[in-house]
PDB file of N, CA and C in Angstrom:
ATOM      1  N   MET A   1     194.770-121.652-190.876  1.00  0.00           N
ATOM      2  CA  MET A   1     195.442-122.553-191.947  1.00  0.00           C
ATOM      3  C   MET A   1     194.100-123.421-192.369  1.00  0.00           C
ATOM      4  N   GLY A   2     194.442-123.949-193.190  1.00  0.00           N
ATOM      5  CA  GLY A   2     192.407-125.346-193.312  1.00  0.00           C
ATOM      6  C   GLY A   2     193.293-125.782-194.654  1.00  0.00           C
ATOM      7  N   GLY A   3     192.425-126.911-194.506  1.00  0.00           N
ATOM      8  CA  GLY A   3     192.842-128.498-196.199  1.00  0.00           C
ATOM      9  C   GLY A   3     191.938-129.080-196.206  1.00  0.00           C
ATOM     10  N   ASP A   4     192.009-129.354-196.944  1.00  0.00           N
ATOM     11  CA  ASP A   4     190.681-130.995-197.889  1.00  0.00           C
ATOM     12  C   ASP A   4     191.767-130.953-199.274  1.00  0.00           C
ATOM     13  N   TYR A   5     190.974-132.179-200.135  1.00  0.00           N
ATOM     14  CA  TYR A   5     190.998-132.229-200.970  1.00  0.00           C
ATOM     15  C   TYR A   5     190.574-131.210-202.066  1.00  0.00           C
ATOM     16  N   LYS A   6     191.421-131.637-203.153  1.00  0.00           N
ATOM     17  CA  LYS A   6     191.378-130.479-203.900  1.00  0.00           C
ATOM     18  C   LYS A   6     190.162-130.032-204.562  1.00  0.00           C
ATOM     19  N   SER A   7     189.490-131.102-204.751  1.00  0.00           N
ATOM     20  CA  SER A   7     188.085-130.692-205.455  1.00  0.00           C
ATOM     21  C   SER A   7     187.231-130.183-204.404  1.00  0.00           C
ATOM     22  N   LYS A   8     187.331-130.253-203.515  1.00  0.00           N
ATOM     23  CA  LYS A   8     186.871-129.675-202.042  1.00  0.00           C
ATOM     24  C   LYS A   8     186.791-127.894-202.152  1.00  0.00           C
ATOM     25  N   VAL A   9     188.316-127.955-202.633  1.00  0.00           N
ATOM     26  CA  VAL A   9     188.944-126.830-202.045  1.00  0.00           C
ATOM     27  C   VAL A   9     188.657-125.842-202.994  1.00  0.00           C
ATOM     28  N   ILE A  10     188.266-126.477-204.774  1.00  0.00           N
ATOM     29  CA  ILE A  10     188.231-125.627-205.692  1.00  0.00           C
ATOM     30  C   ILE A  10     185.658-125.590-205.837  1.00  0.00           C
ATOM     31  N   SER A  11     185.276-126.208-204.943  1.00  0.00           N
ATOM     32  CA  SER A  11     184.014-126.589-204.970  1.00  0.00           C
ATOM     33  C   SER A  11     184.078-124.877-203.694  1.00  0.00           C
ATOM     34  N   LEU A  12     184.802-124.914-202.943  1.00  0.00           N
ATOM     35  CA  LEU A  12     184.439-124.104-201.868  1.00  0.00           C
ATOM     36  C   LEU A  12     184.846-122.515-202.882  1.00  0.00           C
ATOM     37  N   MET A  13     185.881-122.536-203.065  1.00  0.00           N
ATOM     38  CA  MET A  13     186.208-121.727-203.895  1.00  0.00           C
ATOM     39  C   MET A  13     184.557-121.253-205.103  1.00  0.00           C
ATOM     40  N   ASP A  14     184.637-121.888-205.460  1.00  0.00           N
ATOM     41  CA  ASP A  14     183.784-121.469-206.866  1.00  0.00           C
ATOM     42  C   ASP A  14     182.222-120.882-206.012  1.00  0.00           C
ATOM     43  N   LYS A  15     182.521-121.286-204.468  1.00  0.00           N
ATOM     44  CA  LYS A  15     181.498-120.637-204.130  1.00  0.00           C
ATOM     45  C   LYS A  15     181.872-118.356-203.518  1.00  0.00           C
ATOM     46  N   GLY A  16     182.641-118.507-203.916  1.00  0.00           N
ATOM     47  CA  GLY A  16     182.988-117.361-202.902  1.00  0.00           C
ATOM     48  C   GLY A  16     183.875-116.787-201.857  1.00  0.00           C
ATOM     49  N   VAL A  17     183.938-118.727-201.310  1.00  0.00           N
ATOM     50  CA  VAL A  17     184.828-118.656-199.900  1.00  0.00           C
ATOM     51  C   VAL A  17     186.388-117.780-200.321  1.00  0.00           C
ATOM     52  N   LYS A  18     186.761-117.362-199.422  1.00  0.00           N
ATOM     53  CA  LYS A  18     187.863-116.157-199.368  1.00  0.00           C
ATOM     54  C   LYS A  18     189.197-117.149-198.811  1.00  0.00           C
ATOM     55  N   LEU A  19     189.892-117.873-199.924  1.00  0.00           N
ATOM     56  CA  LEU A  19     191.045-118.696-199.477  1.00  0.00           C
ATOM     57  C   LEU A  19     192.453-118.946-200.413  1.00  0.00           C
ATOM     58  N   VAL A  20     193.262-118.901-199.950  1.00  0.00           N
ATOM     59  CA  VAL A  20     194.584-118.490-200.749  1.00  0.00           C
ATOM     60  C   VAL A  20     195.198-120.156-200.433  1.00  0.00           C
ATOM     61  N   PRO A  21     195.506-120.855-201.409  1.00  0.00           N
ATOM     62  CA  PRO A  21     195.967-122.670-201.311  1.00  0.00           C
ATOM     63  C   PRO A  21     197.503-122.655-201.414  1.00  0.00           C
ATOM     64  N   VAL A  22     198.053-123.243-200.560  1.00  0.00           N
ATOM     65  CA  VAL A  22     199.560-122.737-200.399  1.00  0.00           C
ATOM     66  C   VAL A  22     200.345-123.893-200.929  1.00  0.00           C
ATOM     67  N   THR A  23     199.894-125.088-200.705  1.00  0.00           N
ATOM     68  CA  THR A  23     200.776-126.372-201.345  1.00  0.00           C
ATOM     69  C   THR A  23     199.407-127.972-201.332  1.00  0.00           C
ATOM     70  N   ILE A  24     200.059-127.843-202.130  1.00  0.00           N
ATOM     71  CA  ILE A  24     199.296-129.246-202.824  1.00  0.00           C
ATOM     72  C   ILE A  24     200.191-130.728-202.155  1.00  0.00           C
ATOM     73  N   HIS A  25     199.042-132.082-201.469  1.00  0.00           N
ATOM     74  CA  HIS A  25     200.890-132.816-200.938  1.00  0.00           C
ATOM     75  C   HIS A  25     200.082-134.011-202.083  1.00  0.00           C
ATOM     76  N   GLU A  26     200.886-133.804-202.882  1.00  0.00           N
ATOM     77  CA  GLU A  26     200.726-135.390-203.530  1.00  0.00           C
ATOM     78  C   GLU A  26     201.250-136.567-203.411  1.00  0.00           C
ATOM     79  N   ILE A  27     201.283-137.189-202.190  1.00  0.00           N
ATOM     80  CA  ILE A  27     202.031-138.596-201.841  1.00  0.00           C
ATOM     81  C   ILE A  27     202.748-138.911-202.777  1.00  0.00           C
ATOM     82  N   PRO A  28     204.063-138.500-201.688  1.00  0.00           N
ATOM     83  CA  PRO A  28     204.774-138.234-200.720  1.00  0.00           C
ATOM     84  C   PRO A  28     205.585-136.669-201.041  1.00  0.00           C
ATOM     85  N   ILE A  29     204.840-136.263-202.292  1.00  0.00           N
ATOM     86  CA  ILE A  29     205.300-134.788-202.412  1.00  0.00           C
ATOM     87  C   ILE A  29     204.896-134.021-201.864  1.00  0.00           C
ATOM     88  N   MET A  30     205.206-132.815-201.521  1.00  0.00           N
ATOM     89  CA  MET A  30     204.572-131.505-201.260  1.00  0.00           C
ATOM     90  C   MET A  30     205.125-130.476-202.429  1.00  0.00           C
ATOM     91  N   HIS A  31     203.906-130.216-203.235  1.00  0.00           N
ATOM     92  CA  HIS A  31     203.843-128.990-203.645  1.00  0.00           C
ATOM     93  C   HIS A  31     203.526-127.559-203.005  1.00  0.00           C
ATOM     94  N   PRO A  32     204.562-126.857-203.464  1.00  0.00           N
ATOM     95  CA  PRO A  32     204.006-125.524-202.891  1.00  0.00           C
ATOM     96  C   PRO A  32     203.718-124.523-204.304  1.00  0.00           C
ATOM     97  N   ILE A  33     202.349-123.954-203.449  1.00  0.00           N
ATOM     98  CA  ILE A  33     201.715-123.760-204.768  1.00  0.00           C
ATOM     99  C   ILE A  33     201.368-121.962-204.854  1.00  0.00           C
ATOM    100  N   TYR A  34     201.709-121.249-203.598  1.00  0.00           N
ATOM    101  CA  TYR A  34     202.205-120.214-203.346  1.00  0.00           C
ATOM    102  C   TYR A  34     202.672-119.210-204.133  1.00  0.00           C
ATOM    103  N   ILE A  35     202.035-117.881-204.842  1.00  0.00           N
ATOM    104  CA  ILE A  35     202.425-117.219-205.171  1.00  0.00           C
ATOM    105  C   ILE A  35     202.174-115.695-204.934  1.00  0.00           C
ATOM    106  N   LYS A  36     202.895-114.654-203.888  1.00  0.00           N
ATOM    107  CA  LYS A  36     202.286-113.905-203.524  1.00  0.00           C
ATOM    108  C   LYS A  36     201.595-112.850-204.052  1.00  0.00           C
ATOM    109  N   ASP A  37     200.753-112.436-203.796  1.00  0.00           N
ATOM    110  CA  ASP A  37     199.462-111.671-204.162  1.00  0.00           C
ATOM    111  C   ASP A  37     198.593-111.780-205.635  1.00  0.00           C
ATOM    112  N   LYS A  38     198.783-113.264-205.681  1.00  0.00           N
ATOM    113  CA  LYS A  38     197.952-114.709-206.640  1.00  0.00           C
ATOM    114  C   LYS A  38     197.549-115.608-206.390  1.00  0.00           C
ATOM    115  N   ILE A  39     196.243-115.964-206.800  1.00  0.00           N
ATOM    116  CA  ILE A  39     195.773-117.105-206.371  1.00  0.00           C
ATOM    117  C   ILE A  39     195.842-117.795-206.832  1.00  0.00           C
ATOM    118  N   THR A  40     196.207-118.977-207.043  1.00  0.00           N
ATOM    119  CA  THR A  40     196.745-120.406-207.838  1.00  0.00           C
ATOM    120  C   THR A  40     195.207-120.988-208.586  1.00  0.00           C
ATOM    121  N   ASP A  41     195.455-120.843-209.797  1.00  0.00           N
ATOM    122  CA  ASP A  41     194.252-121.874-210.224  1.00  0.00           C
ATOM    123  C   ASP A  41     194.339-123.142-209.712  1.00  0.00           C
ATOM    124  N   LEU A  42     193.783-123.952-209.193  1.00  0.00           N
ATOM    125  CA  LEU A  42     193.323-124.989-208.928  1.00  0.00           C
ATOM    126  C   LEU A  42     192.684-125.628-210.177  1.00  0.00           C
ATOM    127  N   LYS A  43     192.172-125.578-210.904  1.00  0.00           N
ATOM    128  CA  LYS A  43     191.858-126.255-211.835  1.00  0.00           C
ATOM    129  C   LYS A  43     192.845-126.095-213.566  1.00  0.00           C
ATOM    130  N   SER A  44     193.959-125.568-213.364  1.00  0.00           N
ATOM    131  CA  SER A  44     194.978-125.716-213.820  1.00  0.00           C
ATOM    132  C   SER A  44     195.315-127.160-214.406  1.00  0.00           C
ATOM    133  N   GLU A  45     195.519-127.957-215.299  1.00  0.00           N
ATOM    134  CA  GLU A  45     195.537-128.978-215.595  1.00  0.00           C
ATOM    135  C   GLU A  45     197.214-129.322-214.728  1.00  0.00           C
ATOM    136  N   ASN A  46     198.261-128.522-214.979  1.00  0.00           N
ATOM    137  CA  ASN A  46     199.302-128.446-214.654  1.00  0.00           C
ATOM    138  C   ASN A  46     199.014-129.044-212.942  1.00  0.00           C
ATOM    139  N   LEU A  47     198.361-128.193-212.418  1.00  0.00           N
ATOM    140  CA  LEU A  47     198.772-129.430-211.121  1.00  0.00           C
ATOM    141  C   LEU A  47     197.897-130.763-210.742  1.00  0.00           C
ATOM    142  N   PRO A  48     198.870-131.101-209.637  1.00  0.00           N
ATOM    143  CA  PRO A  48     198.659-132.864-209.309  1.00  0.00           C
ATOM    144  C   PRO A  48     197.160-132.679-208.248  1.00  0.00           C
ATOM    145  N   ASP A  49     196.504-133.815-208.642  1.00  0.00           N
ATOM    146  CA  ASP A  49     195.554-134.107-207.470  1.00  0.00           C
ATOM    147  C   ASP A  49     196.073-134.446-206.022  1.00  0.00           C
ATOM    148  N   GLY A  50     195.142-133.744-205.042  1.00  0.00           N
ATOM    149  CA  GLY A  50     195.250-134.865-203.525  1.00  0.00           C
ATOM    150  C   GLY A  50     195.422-133.288-202.528  1.00  0.00           C
ATOM    151  N   TRP A  51     195.782-133.566-201.294  1.00  0.00           N
ATOM    152  CA  TRP A  51     194.711-132.198-200.448  1.00  0.00           C
ATOM    153  C   TRP A  51     195.652-131.187-200.595  1.00  0.00           C
ATOM    154  N   VAL A  52     194.852-130.079-200.671  1.00  0.00           N
ATOM    155  CA  VAL A  52     195.331-128.840-200.093  1.00  0.00           C
ATOM    156  C   VAL A  52     195.422-128.050-199.492  1.00  0.00           C
ATOM    157  N   ASN A  53     196.799-127.058-199.086  1.00  0.00           N
ATOM    158  CA  ASN A  53     196.317-126.520-197.871  1.00  0.00           C
ATOM    159  C   ASN A  53     196.329-125.402-197.930  1.00  0.00           C
ATOM    160  N   PHE A  54     195.633-124.735-197.597  1.00  0.00           N
ATOM    161  CA  PHE A  54     195.537-123.033-197.522  1.00  0.00           C
ATOM    162  C   PHE A  54     194.989-121.817-196.713  1.00  0.00           C
ATOM    163  N   TYR A  55     195.488-120.654-197.482  1.00  0.00           N
ATOM    164  CA  TYR A  55     194.967-119.752-195.343  1.00  0.00           C
ATOM    165  C   TYR A  55     193.611-119.461-195.797  1.00  0.00           C
ATOM    166  N   ARG A  56     193.210-118.917-194.453  1.00  0.00           N
ATOM    167  CA  ARG A  56     191.894-118.934-194.216  1.00  0.00           C
ATOM    168  C   ARG A  56     192.034-117.016-193.520  1.00  0.00           C
ATOM    169  N   SER A  57     190.427-116.861-194.133  1.00  0.00           N
ATOM    170  CA  SER A  57     190.954-115.523-193.978  1.00  0.00           C
ATOM    171  C   SER A  57     189.510-115.395-192.728  1.00  0.00           C
ATOM    172  N   ASP A  58     188.744-116.409-191.893  1.00  0.00           N
ATOM    173  CA  ASP A  58     187.601-116.309-191.449  1.00  0.00           C
ATOM    174  C   ASP A  58     188.260-116.939-190.238  1.00  0.00           C
ATOM    175  N   ASP A  59     189.709-117.081-190.031  1.00  0.00           N
ATOM    176  CA  ASP A  59     190.073-117.797-188.129  1.00  0.00           C
ATOM    177  C   ASP A  59     190.953-117.125-188.501  1.00  0.00           C
ATOM    178  N   TRP A  60     190.700-116.279-187.228  1.00  0.00           N
ATOM    179  CA  TRP A  60     191.666-114.768-186.192  1.00  0.00           C
ATOM    180  C   TRP A  60     191.357-115.946-184.220  1.00  0.00           C
ATOM    181  N   SER A  61     192.219-115.465-184.723  1.00  0.00           N
ATOM    182  CA  SER A  61     192.666-115.448-182.619  1.00  0.00           C
ATOM    183  C   SER A  61     193.498-114.468-182.373  1.00  0.00           C
ATOM    184  N   SER A  62     193.595-114.268-180.889  1.00  0.00           N
ATOM    185  CA  SER A  62     194.754-113.219-180.471  1.00  0.00           C
ATOM    186  C   SER A  62     195.066-113.818-179.028  1.00  0.00           C
ATOM    187  N   THR A  63     195.854-113.158-178.710  1.00  0.00           N
ATOM    188  CA  THR A  63     196.657-113.106-177.054  1.00  0.00           C
ATOM    189  C   THR A  63     196.863-112.464-176.699  1.00  0.00           C
ATOM    190  N   ALA A  64     196.097-112.221-175.186  1.00  0.00           N
ATOM    191  CA  ALA A  64     197.367-110.939-174.651  1.00  0.00           C
ATOM    192  C   ALA A  64     198.001-111.339-172.777  1.00  0.00           C
ATOM    193  N   TYR A  65     198.808-111.174-172.818  1.00  0.00           N
ATOM    194  CA  TYR A  65     199.867-111.810-171.723  1.00  0.00           C
ATOM    195  C   TYR A  65     199.954-110.382-170.884  1.00  0.00           C
ATOM    196  N   PHE A  66     199.991-110.601-169.543  1.00  0.00           N
ATOM    197  CA  PHE A  66     200.392-109.507-168.490  1.00  0.00           C
ATOM    198  C   PHE A  66     200.566-109.947-167.399  1.00  0.00           C
ATOM    199  N   TYR A  67     201.527-109.083-166.929  1.00  0.00           N
ATOM    200  CA  TYR A  67     202.306-110.052-165.922  1.00  0.00           C
ATOM    201  C   TYR A  67     201.813-108.658-164.500  1.00  0.00           C
ATOM    202  N   LEU A  68     201.807-109.432-163.203  1.00  0.00           N
ATOM    203  CA  LEU A  68     201.056-109.197-162.461  1.00  0.00           C
ATOM    204  C   LEU A  68     202.019-109.021-161.571  1.00  0.00           C
ATOM    205  N   ASP A  69     202.511-107.906-160.411  1.00  0.00           N
ATOM    206  CA  ASP A  69     203.752-108.037-159.418  1.00  0.00           C
ATOM    207  C   ASP A  69     203.137-108.629-158.128  1.00  0.00           C
ATOM    208  N   LYS A  70     202.607-109.454-157.977  1.00  0.00           N
ATOM    209  CA  LYS A  70     201.847-110.088-156.460  1.00  0.00           C
ATOM    210  C   LYS A  70     200.755-111.425-157.220  1.00  0.00           C
ATOM    211  N   PRO A  71     200.560-111.995-156.227  1.00  0.00           N
ATOM    212  CA  PRO A  71     200.083-113.411-157.511  1.00  0.00           C
ATOM    213  C   PRO A  71     198.245-112.702-156.731  1.00  0.00           C
ATOM    214  N   VAL A  72     197.876-111.775-156.450  1.00  0.00           N
ATOM    215  CA  VAL A  72     197.268-111.355-156.024  1.00  0.00           C
ATOM    216  C   VAL A  72     196.343-109.730-156.793  1.00  0.00           C
ATOM    217  N   ASN A  73     195.161-109.930-156.906  1.00  0.00           N
ATOM    218  CA  ASN A  73     194.594-108.745-158.125  1.00  0.00           C
ATOM    219  C   ASN A  73     193.894-108.438-157.456  1.00  0.00           C
ATOM    220  N   GLU A  74     193.480-107.331-158.183  1.00  0.00           N
ATOM    221  CA  GLU A  74     191.733-106.898-157.830  1.00  0.00           C
ATOM    222  C   GLU A  74     191.276-106.738-159.223  1.00  0.00           C
ATOM    223  N   LEU A  75     191.845-107.440-160.115  1.00  0.00           N
ATOM    224  CA  LEU A  75     190.490-107.302-161.691  1.00  0.00           C
ATOM    225  C   LEU A  75     189.607-108.234-161.239  1.00  0.00           C
ATOM    226  N   PRO A  76     188.993-107.527-161.901  1.00  0.00           N
ATOM    227  CA  PRO A  76     187.047-108.029-161.650  1.00  0.00           C
ATOM    228  C   PRO A  76     187.219-109.369-162.303  1.00  0.00           C
ATOM    229  N   SER A  77     186.307-110.212-161.654  1.00  0.00           N
ATOM    230  CA  SER A  77     185.640-111.984-162.495  1.00  0.00           C
ATOM    231  C   SER A  77     184.640-111.821-163.745  1.00  0.00           C
ATOM    232  N   LEU A  78     185.628-112.621-164.472  1.00  0.00           N
ATOM    233  CA  LEU A  78     185.137-112.874-166.281  1.00  0.00           C
ATOM    234  C   LEU A  78     183.525-112.172-165.753  1.00  0.00           C
ATOM    235  N   GLN A  79     183.053-112.284-166.875  1.00  0.00           N
ATOM    236  CA  GLN A  79     181.588-112.227-167.132  1.00  0.00           C
ATOM    237  C   GLN A  79     181.189-114.109-167.743  1.00  0.00           C
ATOM    238  N   LYS A  80     179.880-114.084-166.978  1.00  0.00           N
ATOM    239  CA  LYS A  80     179.000-115.317-167.702  1.00  0.00           C
ATOM    240  C   LYS A  80     180.052-115.637-169.064  1.00  0.00           C
ATOM    241  N   VAL A  81     180.331-116.738-169.919  1.00  0.00           N
ATOM    242  CA  VAL A  81     179.866-116.534-171.874  1.00  0.00           C
ATOM    243  C   VAL A  81     178.853-115.998-172.084  1.00  0.00           C
ATOM    244  N   THR A  82     177.293-116.636-171.893  1.00  0.00           N
ATOM    245  CA  THR A  82     176.494-115.855-172.474  1.00  0.00           C
ATOM    246  C   THR A  82     176.528-114.348-172.618  1.00  0.00           C
ATOM    247  N   ILE A  83     176.965-113.669-171.819  1.00  0.00           N
ATOM    248  CA  ILE A  83     176.852-112.491-171.873  1.00  0.00           C
ATOM    249  C   ILE A  83     178.453-112.021-172.638  1.00  0.00           C
ATOM    250  N   ARG A  84     179.472-112.566-172.393  1.00  0.00           N
ATOM    251  CA  ARG A  84     180.470-112.108-173.374  1.00  0.00           C
ATOM    252  C   ARG A  84     180.200-112.719-174.734  1.00  0.00           C
ATOM    253  N   THR A  85     179.782-113.560-174.555  1.00  0.00           N
ATOM    254  CA  THR A  85     179.040-114.065-176.629  1.00  0.00           C
ATOM    255  C   THR A  85     177.641-113.358-176.788  1.00  0.00           C
ATOM    256  N   TYR A  86     177.191-112.638-176.218  1.00  0.00           N
ATOM    257  CA  TYR A  86     175.955-112.221-176.721  1.00  0.00           C
ATOM    258  C   TYR A  86     176.011-111.102-178.343  1.00  0.00           C
ATOM    259  N   LYS A  87     175.012-111.833-178.596  1.00  0.00           N
ATOM    260  CA  LYS A  87     175.401-111.391-180.262  1.00  0.00           C
ATOM    261  C   LYS A  87     176.358-110.769-181.146  1.00  0.00           C
ATOM    262  N   SER A  88     177.406-112.330-180.956  1.00  0.00           N
ATOM    263  CA  SER A  88     178.361-112.625-181.740  1.00  0.00           C
ATOM    264  C   SER A  88     178.047-112.751-183.115  1.00  0.00           C
ATOM    265  N   GLU A  89     179.016-112.975-183.978  1.00  0.00           N
ATOM    266  CA  GLU A  89     178.814-112.773-185.415  1.00  0.00           C
ATOM    267  C   GLU A  89     177.918-114.200-185.716  1.00  0.00           C
ATOM    268  N   ASN A  90     178.348-115.187-184.982  1.00  0.00           N
ATOM    269  CA  ASN A  90     177.989-116.505-184.935  1.00  0.00           C
ATOM    270  C   ASN A  90     176.807-117.171-184.631  1.00  0.00           C
ATOM    271  N   ASP A  91     175.547-115.828-184.296  1.00  0.00           N
ATOM    272  CA  ASP A  91     174.071-116.066-183.419  1.00  0.00           C
ATOM    273  C   ASP A  91     173.268-116.021-184.537  1.00  0.00           C
TER     274      ASP A  91
END
């Protein structure tokens, strides 16, 4: 999730940032604007100004869990961060 004021979100969308607006918070009301398979046009005069929450396509994370049968294992140590992040997308 991400969020910013409506004018900033419109600016991001105009620059081609892929995001999906889901709510506009016009204190004290939270307006749901998400419609499945449709991007809401934030420039519509029918929508209030306020804080816009949106789904992001660039924010991914994952977690993997596994359980050991004893408190000691023979797994190798993690590699140094410089090795694990070599040639990452952000370089």
